[in-house]
Amino acid sequence: MRFEAVIFDLDGTLLDSMDVWEKIDICFLQKRGLPVPADYVTEICARSFEEAAQYTIDLFGLSEKSEDIIR
């Protein structure tokens, strides 16, 4: 069978990737020497990339732009 397109669903419906994203978030903070607040993952998991980046900037007073954090 030949496919013309494939859809990857990594938001938990077909494949649960939340553990991977949590590890990425924790690693991001640890590389900057920042503590991981107990509610951090919960706070950003329902946000878009842009919203999560801005939340992180505001929370920790980072000088980075949201575009840089997303990259």
C-alpha atoms as a PDB file:
ATOM      1  CA  MET A   1       0.000   0.000   0.000  1.00  0.00           C
ATOM      2  CA  ARG A   2       1.355   3.411  -0.948  1.00  0.00           C
ATOM      3  CA  PHE A   3       0.565   6.511   1.131  1.00  0.00           C
ATOM      4  CA  GLU A   4       0.522  10.084  -0.107  1.00  0.00           C
ATOM      5  CA  ALA A   5       0.500  11.612   3.348  1.00  0.00           C
ATOM      6  CA  VAL A   6       0.841  10.645   6.982  1.00  0.00           C
ATOM      7  CA  ILE A   7      -0.405  12.513  10.019  1.00  0.00           C
ATOM      8  CA  PHE A   8       1.561  12.265  13.248  1.00  0.00           C
ATOM      9  CA  ASP A   9      -0.434  12.953  16.385  1.00  0.00           C
ATOM     10  CA  LEU A  10       1.904  13.514  19.305  1.00  0.00           C
ATOM     11  CA  ASP A  11      -0.452  15.279  21.695  1.00  0.00           C
ATOM     12  CA  GLY A  12      -1.572  12.212  23.580  1.00  0.00           C
ATOM     13  CA  THR A  13      -4.364  10.955  21.354  1.00  0.00           C
ATOM     14  CA  LEU A  14      -2.411   8.290  19.473  1.00  0.00           C
ATOM     15  CA  LEU A  15       1.002   8.620  21.081  1.00  0.00           C
ATOM     16  CA  ASP A  16       1.629  10.071  24.525  1.00  0.00           C
ATOM     17  CA  SER A  17       4.608  12.413  24.286  1.00  0.00           C
ATOM     18  CA  MET A  18       4.009  14.365  27.500  1.00  0.00           C
ATOM     19  CA  ASP A  19       6.909  12.674  29.310  1.00  0.00           C
ATOM     20  CA  VAL A  20       9.290  13.778  26.571  1.00  0.00           C
ATOM     21  CA  TRP A  21       8.086  17.392  26.740  1.00  0.00           C
ATOM     22  CA  GLU A  22       8.376  17.385  30.536  1.00  0.00           C
ATOM     23  CA  LYS A  23      11.987  16.196  30.309  1.00  0.00           C
ATOM     24  CA  ILE A  24      12.763  18.879  27.724  1.00  0.00           C
ATOM     25  CA  ASP A  25      11.288  21.577  29.974  1.00  0.00           C
ATOM     26  CA  ILE A  26      13.222  20.381  33.016  1.00  0.00           C
ATOM     27  CA  CYS A  27      16.463  20.150  31.025  1.00  0.00           C
ATOM     28  CA  PHE A  28      15.907  23.673  29.658  1.00  0.00           C
ATOM     29  CA  LEU A  29      15.595  25.090  33.178  1.00  0.00           C
ATOM     30  CA  GLN A  30      18.453  23.041  34.643  1.00  0.00           C
ATOM     31  CA  LYS A  31      20.858  24.168  31.897  1.00  0.00           C
ATOM     32  CA  ARG A  32      20.181  27.734  33.023  1.00  0.00           C
ATOM     33  CA  GLY A  33      20.575  26.874  36.707  1.00  0.00           C
ATOM     34  CA  LEU A  34      16.893  27.593  37.337  1.00  0.00           C
ATOM     35  CA  PRO A  35      14.718  25.701  39.789  1.00  0.00           C
ATOM     36  CA  VAL A  36      11.812  23.664  38.460  1.00  0.00           C
ATOM     37  CA  PRO A  37       8.690  24.933  40.237  1.00  0.00           C
ATOM     38  CA  ALA A  38       6.318  22.156  41.294  1.00  0.00           C
ATOM     39  CA  ASP A  39       3.537  23.535  39.097  1.00  0.00           C
ATOM     40  CA  TYR A  40       5.691  24.534  36.101  1.00  0.00           C
ATOM     41  CA  VAL A  41       4.817  21.638  33.804  1.00  0.00           C
ATOM     42  CA  THR A  42       1.130  21.930  34.683  1.00  0.00           C
ATOM     43  CA  GLU A  43       1.212  25.663  33.960  1.00  0.00           C
ATOM     44  CA  ILE A  44       2.757  25.372  30.513  1.00  0.00           C
ATOM     45  CA  CYS A  45       1.250  22.122  29.218  1.00  0.00           C
ATOM     46  CA  ALA A  46      -2.027  23.753  28.166  1.00  0.00           C
ATOM     47  CA  ARG A  47      -0.303  26.734  26.546  1.00  0.00           C
ATOM     48  CA  SER A  48       0.956  27.208  23.007  1.00  0.00           C
ATOM     49  CA  PHE A  49       4.721  27.306  22.424  1.00  0.00           C
ATOM     50  CA  GLU A  50       4.596  31.099  22.305  1.00  0.00           C
ATOM     51  CA  GLU A  51       2.551  31.356  25.504  1.00  0.00           C
ATOM     52  CA  ALA A  52       4.758  28.857  27.340  1.00  0.00           C
ATOM     53  CA  ALA A  53       7.904  30.696  26.279  1.00  0.00           C
ATOM     54  CA  GLN A  54       6.501  34.027  27.432  1.00  0.00           C
ATOM     55  CA  TYR A  55       5.320  32.494  30.711  1.00  0.00           C
ATOM     56  CA  THR A  56       8.854  31.180  31.300  1.00  0.00           C
ATOM     57  CA  ILE A  57      10.407  34.557  30.470  1.00  0.00           C
ATOM     58  CA  ASP A  58       8.041  36.349  32.851  1.00  0.00           C
ATOM     59  CA  LEU A  59       8.386  33.759  35.628  1.00  0.00           C
ATOM     60  CA  PHE A  60      12.192  33.777  35.686  1.00  0.00           C
ATOM     61  CA  GLY A  61      12.894  37.284  34.386  1.00  0.00           C
ATOM     62  CA  LEU A  62      14.821  35.952  31.399  1.00  0.00           C
ATOM     63  CA  SER A  63      16.295  38.343  28.844  1.00  0.00           C
ATOM     64  CA  GLU A  64      15.754  35.929  25.956  1.00  0.00           C
ATOM     65  CA  LYS A  65      13.022  36.472  23.401  1.00  0.00           C
ATOM     66  CA  SER A  66      10.252  33.916  23.092  1.00  0.00           C
ATOM     67  CA  GLU A  67      11.415  33.027  19.556  1.00  0.00           C
ATOM     68  CA  ASP A  68      14.849  32.127  20.922  1.00  0.00           C
ATOM     69  CA  ILE A  69      13.403  29.937  23.658  1.00  0.00           C
ATOM     70  CA  ILE A  70      11.152  28.142  21.193  1.00  0.00           C
ATOM     71  CA  ARG A  71      14.133  27.367  18.979  1.00  0.00           C
END
